[in-house]
Amino acid sequence: MRLIIANNGDHELFISHVHFGANSLDYIDIAKEMMSIVQDIPKEDVKLDAQILDLFDTNQDIVIIIKPGQVIKHTIQTTIPENLSFVHGKSKKEWDQIIFIAGLNKKSSVIRPVFFSINDRRYQQMQQSYKDGLNTFPGEGTIYAYSPRLKKMITFPFKILGTVAISSEKEFTEKLNRWINPRRGHPEDLQ
C-alpha cells in the first residue's frame, strides 16, 4: 500500500503512524454461534469478552516530518509468505468465520488478515485473477499527524479493504474446515 501525504499548511507536521481497523464486523455473534455448537448450549448463554470487537486493530509506524509544501510517498510493504493464497469463493457464513479466525491469529504463518487500498494495483489484479470472487471486508485506515503549532494530534481517515491469506497445506485446511463447521460436542475443533 502506498501513501501519498502532502502538507498544504504553513507549518511542519510530524507523521507518527497509520492505524488500520475493521471494527464494524459482528465478531461476537460469529464466535457465540461457533462456541454454542461445540458446547451444546444456547448461543445467548455463551459469555465472551467484548474486546473481540477489536480484532483488526493494528498500527504501522511511519515517523517522518513533512515540511510546508512538501509531498512524501510512503510504501507500507505487505509481506505474504509464498505458501499462502487469498480466500475466495466462500459463502458469507464461511467468510465471516474465516475473518474471525484470522483476527485471532494476526501474526500466524498459516492465516492472517491483509489490508489493501481500494486503488492498489496489486489488489485490482487479484480481483481479476479470482474468477469466483476474492472475499473482502471493509476497513478504515487513519494517518496520525502531530502539529507542533496547534499542539494537537490531527487524523486523516481513508478507506481500505481487508482480505485473508491462508495456507494451502492439507493439515491446515483440514483444521480450518473443522473451525468453519465445528462438530457438536467437539471443543477441540475450535483450538
C-alpha atoms as a PDB file:
ATOM      1  CA  MET A   1       0.000   0.000   0.000  1.00  0.00           C
ATOM      2  CA  ARG A   2       1.433   3.389  -0.961  1.00  0.00           C
ATOM      3  CA  LEU A   3       0.502   6.558   0.910  1.00  0.00           C
ATOM      4  CA  ILE A   4       0.971   9.996  -0.623  1.00  0.00           C
ATOM      5  CA  ILE A   5       0.895  12.708   2.040  1.00  0.00           C
ATOM      6  CA  ALA A   6       1.051  16.440   1.240  1.00  0.00           C
ATOM      7  CA  ASN A   7       1.495  19.261   3.725  1.00  0.00           C
ATOM      8  CA  ASN A   8      -0.546  22.196   2.365  1.00  0.00           C
ATOM      9  CA  GLY A   9      -0.209  24.168   5.595  1.00  0.00           C
ATOM     10  CA  ASP A  10       2.383  26.702   6.685  1.00  0.00           C
ATOM     11  CA  HIS A  11       3.995  24.653   9.498  1.00  0.00           C
ATOM     12  CA  GLU A  12       5.644  21.253   9.856  1.00  0.00           C
ATOM     13  CA  LEU A  13       3.679  18.086  10.521  1.00  0.00           C
ATOM     14  CA  PHE A  14       5.074  15.081  12.359  1.00  0.00           C
ATOM     15  CA  ILE A  15       3.537  11.866  10.950  1.00  0.00           C
ATOM     16  CA  SER A  16       3.725   9.218  13.658  1.00  0.00           C
ATOM     17  CA  HIS A  17       1.797   6.170  12.412  1.00  0.00           C
ATOM     18  CA  VAL A  18      -1.029   4.705  10.377  1.00  0.00           C
ATOM     19  CA  HIS A  19      -3.786   2.825  12.162  1.00  0.00           C
ATOM     20  CA  PHE A  20      -5.720   0.039  10.398  1.00  0.00           C
ATOM     21  CA  GLY A  21      -9.077  -1.105  11.712  1.00  0.00           C
ATOM     22  CA  ALA A  22     -12.204  -3.050  10.792  1.00  0.00           C
ATOM     23  CA  ASN A  23     -14.370  -2.881  13.878  1.00  0.00           C
ATOM     24  CA  SER A  24     -17.761  -2.876  12.159  1.00  0.00           C
ATOM     25  CA  LEU A  25     -17.851  -6.652  11.733  1.00  0.00           C
ATOM     26  CA  ASP A  26     -20.027  -8.588  14.161  1.00  0.00           C
ATOM     27  CA  TYR A  27     -17.410 -10.958  15.594  1.00  0.00           C
ATOM     28  CA  ILE A  28     -19.276 -11.577  18.838  1.00  0.00           C
ATOM     29  CA  ASP A  29     -22.229 -13.296  17.132  1.00  0.00           C
ATOM     30  CA  ILE A  30     -19.918 -15.415  14.972  1.00  0.00           C
ATOM     31  CA  ALA A  31     -17.903 -16.555  17.986  1.00  0.00           C
ATOM     32  CA  LYS A  32     -21.001 -17.268  20.065  1.00  0.00           C
ATOM     33  CA  GLU A  33     -22.544 -19.367  17.311  1.00  0.00           C
ATOM     34  CA  MET A  34     -19.388 -21.464  16.865  1.00  0.00           C
ATOM     35  CA  MET A  35     -18.939 -21.974  20.607  1.00  0.00           C
ATOM     36  CA  SER A  36     -22.593 -22.833  21.180  1.00  0.00           C
ATOM     37  CA  ILE A  37     -22.306 -25.658  18.646  1.00  0.00           C
ATOM     38  CA  VAL A  38     -19.316 -27.322  20.282  1.00  0.00           C
ATOM     39  CA  GLN A  39     -20.535 -26.704  23.849  1.00  0.00           C
ATOM     40  CA  ASP A  40     -24.119 -27.665  23.001  1.00  0.00           C
ATOM     41  CA  ILE A  41     -25.636 -24.667  24.811  1.00  0.00           C
ATOM     42  CA  PRO A  42     -27.847 -21.819  23.512  1.00  0.00           C
ATOM     43  CA  LYS A  43     -25.942 -19.011  21.809  1.00  0.00           C
ATOM     44  CA  GLU A  44     -27.402 -16.478  24.251  1.00  0.00           C
ATOM     45  CA  ASP A  45     -25.715 -18.272  27.171  1.00  0.00           C
ATOM     46  CA  VAL A  46     -22.185 -18.018  25.713  1.00  0.00           C
ATOM     47  CA  LYS A  47     -20.145 -15.376  27.574  1.00  0.00           C
ATOM     48  CA  LEU A  48     -17.425 -13.588  25.616  1.00  0.00           C
ATOM     49  CA  ASP A  49     -15.170 -10.623  26.272  1.00  0.00           C
ATOM     50  CA  ALA A  50     -16.223  -7.543  24.263  1.00  0.00           C
ATOM     51  CA  GLN A  51     -12.594  -6.950  23.279  1.00  0.00           C
ATOM     52  CA  ILE A  52     -13.172  -9.400  20.436  1.00  0.00           C
ATOM     53  CA  LEU A  53     -14.694  -6.433  18.575  1.00  0.00           C
ATOM     54  CA  ASP A  54     -11.183  -5.005  18.063  1.00  0.00           C
ATOM     55  CA  LEU A  55      -9.665  -7.970  16.255  1.00  0.00           C
ATOM     56  CA  PHE A  56      -8.265  -5.927  13.374  1.00  0.00           C
ATOM     57  CA  ASP A  57      -6.762  -3.114  15.395  1.00  0.00           C
ATOM     58  CA  THR A  58      -3.150  -2.611  14.269  1.00  0.00           C
ATOM     59  CA  ASN A  59      -0.625   0.175  13.757  1.00  0.00           C
ATOM     60  CA  GLN A  60       2.214   0.767  11.282  1.00  0.00           C
ATOM     61  CA  ASP A  61       4.889   3.247  12.398  1.00  0.00           C
ATOM     62  CA  ILE A  62       5.950   5.927   9.883  1.00  0.00           C
ATOM     63  CA  VAL A  63       7.812   8.558  11.976  1.00  0.00           C
ATOM     64  CA  ILE A  64       8.636  11.359   9.500  1.00  0.00           C
ATOM     65  CA  ILE A  65       8.459  15.160   9.446  1.00  0.00           C
ATOM     66  CA  ILE A  66       6.772  16.868   6.468  1.00  0.00           C
ATOM     67  CA  LYS A  67       7.718  20.486   5.858  1.00  0.00           C
ATOM     68  CA  PRO A  68       5.226  23.035   4.441  1.00  0.00           C
ATOM     69  CA  GLY A  69       4.635  22.404   0.723  1.00  0.00           C
ATOM     70  CA  GLN A  70       6.377  19.016   0.830  1.00  0.00           C
ATOM     71  CA  VAL A  71       4.811  15.836  -0.621  1.00  0.00           C
ATOM     72  CA  ILE A  72       6.063  12.439   0.542  1.00  0.00           C
ATOM     73  CA  LYS A  73       5.392   8.920  -0.689  1.00  0.00           C
ATOM     74  CA  HIS A  74       5.485   6.152   1.869  1.00  0.00           C
ATOM     75  CA  THR A  75       5.093   2.483   0.987  1.00  0.00           C
ATOM     76  CA  ILE A  76       3.735   0.022   3.532  1.00  0.00           C
ATOM     77  CA  GLN A  77       5.009  -3.378   2.493  1.00  0.00           C
ATOM     78  CA  THR A  78       2.547  -6.247   2.686  1.00  0.00           C
ATOM     79  CA  THR A  79       4.711  -9.312   3.131  1.00  0.00           C
ATOM     80  CA  ILE A  80       2.847 -12.527   2.439  1.00  0.00           C
ATOM     81  CA  PRO A  81       4.696 -15.867   2.708  1.00  0.00           C
ATOM     82  CA  GLU A  82       4.841 -17.803  -0.566  1.00  0.00           C
ATOM     83  CA  ASN A  83       2.796 -20.733   0.740  1.00  0.00           C
ATOM     84  CA  LEU A  84      -0.257 -18.507   1.385  1.00  0.00           C
ATOM     85  CA  SER A  85      -3.079 -17.660  -1.029  1.00  0.00           C
ATOM     86  CA  PHE A  86      -6.085 -15.376  -0.671  1.00  0.00           C
ATOM     87  CA  VAL A  87      -9.532 -16.590   0.382  1.00  0.00           C
ATOM     88  CA  HIS A  88     -12.029 -16.573  -2.478  1.00  0.00           C
ATOM     89  CA  GLY A  89     -15.402 -18.038  -3.390  1.00  0.00           C
ATOM     90  CA  LYS A  90     -16.595 -18.570   0.209  1.00  0.00           C
ATOM     91  CA  SER A  91     -20.198 -18.162   1.360  1.00  0.00           C
ATOM     92  CA  LYS A  92     -20.970 -15.263   3.727  1.00  0.00           C
ATOM     93  CA  LYS A  93     -21.192 -17.575   6.752  1.00  0.00           C
ATOM     94  CA  GLU A  94     -17.868 -19.296   5.971  1.00  0.00           C
ATOM     95  CA  TRP A  95     -16.211 -15.951   5.206  1.00  0.00           C
ATOM     96  CA  ASP A  96     -17.385 -14.376   8.489  1.00  0.00           C
ATOM     97  CA  GLN A  97     -15.891 -17.306  10.405  1.00  0.00           C
ATOM     98  CA  ILE A  98     -12.605 -17.116   8.472  1.00  0.00           C
ATOM     99  CA  ILE A  99     -12.346 -13.387   9.264  1.00  0.00           C
ATOM    100  CA  PHE A 100     -12.892 -14.172  12.937  1.00  0.00           C
ATOM    101  CA  ILE A 101     -10.158 -16.844  12.923  1.00  0.00           C
ATOM    102  CA  ALA A 102      -7.721 -14.581  11.045  1.00  0.00           C
ATOM    103  CA  GLY A 103      -8.345 -11.810  13.566  1.00  0.00           C
ATOM    104  CA  LEU A 104      -7.406 -14.103  16.431  1.00  0.00           C
ATOM    105  CA  ASN A 105      -4.244 -15.158  14.572  1.00  0.00           C
ATOM    106  CA  LYS A 106      -2.972 -11.856  13.093  1.00  0.00           C
ATOM    107  CA  LYS A 107       0.685 -12.889  13.178  1.00  0.00           C
ATOM    108  CA  SER A 108       0.229 -16.531  12.227  1.00  0.00           C
ATOM    109  CA  SER A 109       2.296 -18.120   9.452  1.00  0.00           C
ATOM    110  CA  VAL A 110      -0.774 -20.022   8.140  1.00  0.00           C
ATOM    111  CA  ILE A 111      -3.620 -17.455   8.307  1.00  0.00           C
ATOM    112  CA  ARG A 112      -3.556 -13.681   8.560  1.00  0.00           C
ATOM    113  CA  PRO A 113      -5.553 -10.591   7.587  1.00  0.00           C
ATOM    114  CA  VAL A 114      -4.096  -8.386   4.829  1.00  0.00           C
ATOM    115  CA  PHE A 115      -5.151  -4.802   4.015  1.00  0.00           C
ATOM    116  CA  PHE A 116      -5.133  -3.065   0.643  1.00  0.00           C
ATOM    117  CA  SER A 117      -6.037   0.358  -0.639  1.00  0.00           C
ATOM    118  CA  ILE A 118      -9.040   0.112  -2.995  1.00  0.00           C
ATOM    119  CA  ASN A 119      -6.888   1.719  -5.726  1.00  0.00           C
ATOM    120  CA  ASP A 120      -3.908  -0.581  -5.157  1.00  0.00           C
ATOM    121  CA  ARG A 121      -2.835  -2.229  -8.438  1.00  0.00           C
ATOM    122  CA  ARG A 122      -1.985  -5.482  -6.660  1.00  0.00           C
ATOM    123  CA  TYR A 123      -5.492  -5.654  -5.206  1.00  0.00           C
ATOM    124  CA  GLN A 124      -7.126  -4.910  -8.591  1.00  0.00           C
ATOM    125  CA  GLN A 125      -5.035  -7.604 -10.295  1.00  0.00           C
ATOM    126  CA  MET A 126      -6.017 -10.143  -7.639  1.00  0.00           C
ATOM    127  CA  GLN A 127      -9.709  -9.292  -8.012  1.00  0.00           C
ATOM    128  CA  GLN A 128      -9.438 -10.010 -11.740  1.00  0.00           C
ATOM    129  CA  SER A 129      -7.499 -13.245 -11.291  1.00  0.00           C
ATOM    130  CA  TYR A 130     -10.022 -14.863  -8.915  1.00  0.00           C
ATOM    131  CA  LYS A 131     -12.957 -15.763 -11.142  1.00  0.00           C
ATOM    132  CA  ASP A 132     -15.198 -16.802  -8.217  1.00  0.00           C
ATOM    133  CA  GLY A 133     -14.541 -13.529  -6.411  1.00  0.00           C
ATOM    134  CA  LEU A 134     -11.945 -12.542  -3.830  1.00  0.00           C
ATOM    135  CA  ASN A 135     -13.582 -12.337  -0.392  1.00  0.00           C
ATOM    136  CA  THR A 136     -13.074  -8.930   1.266  1.00  0.00           C
ATOM    137  CA  PHE A 137     -14.270  -6.927   4.258  1.00  0.00           C
ATOM    138  CA  PRO A 138     -14.444  -3.126   4.672  1.00  0.00           C
ATOM    139  CA  GLY A 139     -11.994  -1.271   6.863  1.00  0.00           C
ATOM    140  CA  GLU A 140     -10.539   2.135   7.532  1.00  0.00           C
ATOM    141  CA  GLY A 141      -7.018   3.434   7.728  1.00  0.00           C
ATOM    142  CA  THR A 142      -6.129   6.589   9.635  1.00  0.00           C
ATOM    143  CA  ILE A 143      -2.940   8.634   9.330  1.00  0.00           C
ATOM    144  CA  TYR A 144      -1.937  10.263  12.632  1.00  0.00           C
ATOM    145  CA  ALA A 145      -0.020  13.550  12.457  1.00  0.00           C
ATOM    146  CA  TYR A 146       1.060  15.892  15.232  1.00  0.00           C
ATOM    147  CA  SER A 147       1.054  19.642  14.628  1.00  0.00           C
ATOM    148  CA  PRO A 148       3.628  21.410  16.840  1.00  0.00           C
ATOM    149  CA  ARG A 149       1.966  24.741  16.102  1.00  0.00           C
ATOM    150  CA  LEU A 150      -1.511  23.569  17.174  1.00  0.00           C
ATOM    151  CA  LYS A 151      -0.049  21.272  19.850  1.00  0.00           C
ATOM    152  CA  LYS A 152      -2.505  18.515  18.973  1.00  0.00           C
ATOM    153  CA  MET A 153      -2.882  15.279  17.021  1.00  0.00           C
ATOM    154  CA  ILE A 154      -4.655  15.503  13.653  1.00  0.00           C
ATOM    155  CA  THR A 155      -6.166  12.463  11.927  1.00  0.00           C
ATOM    156  CA  PHE A 156      -6.726  11.742   8.238  1.00  0.00           C
ATOM    157  CA  PRO A 157      -9.020   8.724   7.611  1.00  0.00           C
ATOM    158  CA  PHE A 158      -9.173   6.752   4.336  1.00  0.00           C
ATOM    159  CA  LYS A 159     -10.987   3.621   3.112  1.00  0.00           C
ATOM    160  CA  ILE A 160      -9.258   0.261   2.834  1.00  0.00           C
ATOM    161  CA  LEU A 161     -10.265  -3.328   2.104  1.00  0.00           C
ATOM    162  CA  GLY A 162      -9.184  -6.398   4.002  1.00  0.00           C
ATOM    163  CA  THR A 163      -8.867  -9.960   2.852  1.00  0.00           C
ATOM    164  CA  VAL A 164      -7.373 -13.077   4.419  1.00  0.00           C
ATOM    165  CA  ALA A 165      -4.307 -15.021   3.286  1.00  0.00           C
ATOM    166  CA  ILE A 166      -4.331 -18.733   4.161  1.00  0.00           C
ATOM    167  CA  SER A 167      -2.018 -21.694   3.789  1.00  0.00           C
ATOM    168  CA  SER A 168      -2.838 -24.409   1.265  1.00  0.00           C
ATOM    169  CA  GLU A 169      -1.176 -27.100   3.412  1.00  0.00           C
ATOM    170  CA  LYS A 170      -3.530 -30.053   3.850  1.00  0.00           C
ATOM    171  CA  GLU A 171      -3.163 -30.188   7.643  1.00  0.00           C
ATOM    172  CA  PHE A 172      -4.136 -26.529   7.964  1.00  0.00           C
ATOM    173  CA  THR A 173      -7.050 -26.663   5.501  1.00  0.00           C
ATOM    174  CA  GLU A 174      -8.494 -29.656   7.391  1.00  0.00           C
ATOM    175  CA  LYS A 175      -8.181 -27.746  10.678  1.00  0.00           C
ATOM    176  CA  LEU A 176      -9.776 -24.649   9.107  1.00  0.00           C
ATOM    177  CA  ASN A 177     -12.703 -26.730   7.824  1.00  0.00           C
ATOM    178  CA  ARG A 178     -13.289 -28.033  11.360  1.00  0.00           C
ATOM    179  CA  TRP A 179     -13.273 -24.424  12.636  1.00  0.00           C
ATOM    180  CA  ILE A 180     -15.768 -23.329   9.990  1.00  0.00           C
ATOM    181  CA  ASN A 181     -18.023 -26.347  10.510  1.00  0.00           C
ATOM    182  CA  PRO A 182     -17.378 -27.430  14.112  1.00  0.00           C
ATOM    183  CA  ARG A 183     -18.859 -30.739  15.213  1.00  0.00           C
ATOM    184  CA  ARG A 184     -21.379 -30.614  18.028  1.00  0.00           C
ATOM    185  CA  GLY A 185     -19.728 -31.567  21.308  1.00  0.00           C
ATOM    186  CA  HIS A 186     -16.147 -31.328  19.958  1.00  0.00           C
ATOM    187  CA  PRO A 187     -14.486 -28.298  21.588  1.00  0.00           C
ATOM    188  CA  GLU A 188     -11.117 -29.361  20.140  1.00  0.00           C
ATOM    189  CA  ASP A 189     -12.401 -28.234  16.721  1.00  0.00           C
ATOM    190  CA  LEU A 190     -12.059 -24.603  17.874  1.00  0.00           C
ATOM    191  CA  GLN A 191      -8.483 -24.937  19.144  1.00  0.00           C
END
